[in-house]
Protein backbone atom coordinates (compact mmCIF):
# COMPACT_ATOMS: atom_id res chain seq x y z
CA UNK A 1 5.12 21.83 12.98
CA UNK A 2 4.55 17.93 12.94
CA UNK A 3 2.01 17.20 15.91
CA UNK A 4 3.07 14.47 18.23
CA UNK A 5 1.70 11.04 18.21
CA UNK A 6 -2.00 11.24 19.69
CA UNK A 7 -2.06 7.77 21.34
CA UNK A 8 -0.47 4.12 21.44
CA UNK A 9 -3.24 2.43 19.26
CA UNK A 10 -1.38 -1.00 19.78
CA UNK A 11 -1.57 -0.55 23.48
CA UNK A 12 -5.12 0.78 23.63
CA UNK A 13 -6.62 -2.17 21.34
CA UNK A 14 -4.13 -4.76 20.90
CA UNK A 15 -6.67 -7.26 19.49
CA UNK A 16 -7.69 -4.85 16.87
CA UNK A 17 -4.00 -4.32 15.73
CA UNK A 18 -3.44 -8.31 15.94
CA UNK A 19 -6.34 -8.69 13.46
CA UNK A 20 -4.70 -5.98 10.98
CA UNK A 21 -1.52 -7.77 11.29
CA UNK A 22 -3.37 -11.03 10.63
CA UNK A 23 -4.45 -9.61 7.02
CA UNK A 24 -0.92 -8.38 6.55
CA UNK A 25 0.32 -11.94 7.29
CA UNK A 26 -2.33 -13.54 4.65
CA UNK A 27 -1.12 -10.78 2.16
CA UNK A 28 2.44 -11.36 2.81
CA UNK A 29 1.98 -15.06 2.00
CA UNK A 30 -0.52 -14.97 -0.76
CA UNK A 31 1.97 -15.59 -3.45
CA UNK A 32 1.73 -11.85 -4.72
CA UNK A 33 5.12 -10.24 -5.63
CA UNK A 34 6.37 -8.37 -2.63
CA UNK A 35 7.79 -5.40 -5.02
CA UNK A 36 4.30 -5.13 -6.53
CA UNK A 37 2.95 -4.92 -2.84
CA UNK A 38 4.99 -2.36 -1.75
CA UNK A 39 4.46 -0.12 -4.86
CA UNK A 40 0.74 -0.53 -4.18
CA UNK A 41 1.29 0.24 -0.52
CA UNK A 42 3.53 3.20 -1.42
CA UNK A 43 1.18 4.72 -4.07
CA UNK A 44 -2.13 4.60 -1.72
CA UNK A 45 -0.02 6.06 1.02
CA UNK A 46 0.76 9.03 -1.39
CA UNK A 47 -2.65 9.40 -2.40
CA UNK A 48 -3.69 9.53 1.11
CA UNK A 49 -0.93 11.81 2.21
CA UNK A 50 0.16 9.41 5.06
CA UNK A 51 3.83 10.32 5.63
CA UNK A 52 4.20 7.27 8.04
CA UNK A 53 3.40 4.81 5.62
CA UNK A 54 5.11 6.43 2.76
CA UNK A 55 8.27 6.34 4.75
CA UNK A 56 7.80 2.75 5.77
CA UNK A 57 6.74 1.34 2.54
CA UNK A 58 9.82 3.06 0.39
CA UNK A 59 12.19 1.62 2.89
CA UNK A 60 10.66 -1.76 2.77
CA UNK A 61 10.58 -1.39 -1.11
CA UNK A 62 14.16 -0.67 -1.10
CA UNK A 63 14.77 -3.48 1.34
CA UNK A 64 13.50 -5.77 -1.29
CA UNK A 65 15.63 -4.40 -4.16
CA UNK A 66 13.34 -1.92 -5.45
CA UNK A 67 15.05 1.09 -7.43
CA UNK A 68 15.11 4.59 -6.38
CA UNK A 69 13.85 5.77 -9.98
CA UNK A 70 10.82 3.48 -9.80
CA UNK A 71 10.20 4.92 -6.29
CA UNK A 72 10.42 8.65 -7.42
CA UNK A 73 8.52 7.80 -10.65
CA UNK A 74 5.62 6.29 -8.68
CA UNK A 75 3.28 9.36 -8.04
CA UNK A 76 3.52 9.81 -12.04
CA UNK A 77 3.37 5.98 -12.75
CA UNK A 78 1.38 6.73 -15.96
CA UNK A 79 4.00 9.18 -17.78
CA UNK A 80 6.83 6.23 -17.35
CA UNK A 81 8.11 3.35 -18.75
CA UNK A 82 9.59 1.88 -15.36
CA UNK A 83 6.72 -0.23 -14.52
CA UNK A 84 5.14 -3.82 -16.16
CA UNK A 85 1.67 -4.08 -17.38
CA UNK A 86 0.47 -5.86 -14.29
CA UNK A 87 2.14 -3.39 -12.16
CA UNK A 88 0.29 -0.51 -14.11
CA UNK A 89 -2.83 -2.44 -13.88
CA UNK A 90 -2.42 -2.75 -9.87
CA UNK A 91 -1.39 0.81 -9.35
CA UNK A 92 -4.57 1.52 -11.53
CA UNK A 93 -6.82 -0.38 -9.41
CA UNK A 94 -5.13 1.02 -6.37
CA UNK A 95 -5.97 4.38 -7.27
CA UNK A 96 -9.57 3.42 -8.00
CA UNK A 97 -10.13 1.69 -4.83
CA UNK A 98 -8.14 4.34 -2.88
CA UNK A 99 -10.51 7.11 -4.37
CA UNK A 100 -13.55 5.06 -4.28
CA UNK A 101 -15.74 8.21 -4.03
CA UNK A 102 -14.69 9.18 -7.56
CA UNK A 103 -16.48 6.45 -9.90
CA UNK A 104 -16.88 3.87 -7.24
CA UNK A 105 -14.67 1.21 -9.23
CA UNK A 106 -15.93 1.45 -12.63
CA UNK A 107 -16.09 -1.69 -14.95
CA UNK A 108 -13.28 -0.81 -17.08
CA UNK A 109 -10.87 -0.50 -13.94
CA UNK A 110 -12.02 -3.86 -12.73
CA UNK A 111 -11.61 -5.19 -16.62
CA UNK A 112 -8.14 -4.01 -17.02
CA UNK A 113 -7.06 -5.36 -13.56
CA UNK A 114 -8.75 -8.80 -14.07
CA UNK A 115 -6.64 -9.40 -17.35
CA UNK A 116 -3.62 -9.40 -15.48
CA UNK A 117 -4.69 -11.44 -12.28
CA UNK A 118 -6.37 -14.57 -11.57
CA UNK A 119 -9.47 -14.37 -9.23
CA UNK A 120 -7.67 -15.45 -6.09
CA UNK A 121 -4.75 -12.99 -6.71
CA UNK A 122 -7.37 -10.12 -7.81
CA UNK A 123 -9.21 -10.68 -4.09
CA UNK A 124 -5.85 -10.72 -2.14
CA UNK A 125 -4.62 -7.48 -4.22
CA UNK A 126 -7.86 -5.95 -3.34
CA UNK A 127 -7.51 -6.88 0.29
CA UNK A 128 -3.91 -5.34 0.47
CA UNK A 129 -5.32 -2.02 -1.17
CA UNK A 130 -8.10 -2.18 1.46
CA UNK A 131 -5.60 -2.84 4.56
CA UNK A 132 -2.74 -0.11 3.40
CA UNK A 133 -5.74 2.47 3.11
CA UNK A 134 -6.89 1.40 6.83
CA UNK A 135 -3.58 1.53 8.01
CA UNK A 136 -3.23 5.08 6.55
CA UNK A 137 -6.45 6.06 8.28
CA UNK A 138 -4.84 4.91 11.61
CA UNK A 139 -1.44 6.44 11.07
CA UNK A 140 -2.95 9.59 10.12
CA UNK A 141 -5.63 9.59 12.73
CA UNK A 142 -3.33 9.05 15.53
CA UNK A 143 -0.50 11.19 14.01
CA UNK A 144 2.07 8.33 13.68
CA UNK A 145 5.59 10.29 13.19
CA UNK A 146 7.38 9.32 10.30
CA UNK A 147 11.28 8.47 10.09
CA UNK A 148 12.11 6.11 12.83
CA UNK A 149 10.90 2.82 10.95
CA UNK A 150 13.43 0.63 9.90
CA UNK A 151 12.69 -2.81 7.75
CA UNK A 152 13.30 -6.06 9.50
CA UNK A 153 16.68 -7.82 8.45
CA UNK A 154 14.35 -10.89 7.67
CA UNK A 155 13.80 -9.42 4.16
């Protein structure tokens, strides 16, 4: 049985949540491809086991035109031909930073991702990965219940 949410974190600390939303706005307006961002957010959420965020970001990805095939293949992206070289580099960087305890972002991973992104975009991608990892920990820690999220009609 899935436990109920532990508390309403947005109500408990609206200032902190607004700061997180501020990071989201910066990333959304950074010029990074929305599809790429949703793949990164979904992959980090898969690695962290965050059901709430997996539900949210797969729905957002579909709302932006992402295919079922690419979403289903995401957990095995290295084994599929469905992703561009830039997406592959971003997914590898996502895994490196999400699993930072395993290798502490080795030079080889950095060298690969920097071939596909300029410094500003790589910084914004890294902030996006950092932010989704924080959201995963918030959603898991406070037991956010997956299923009810619906993408905005503004997509």
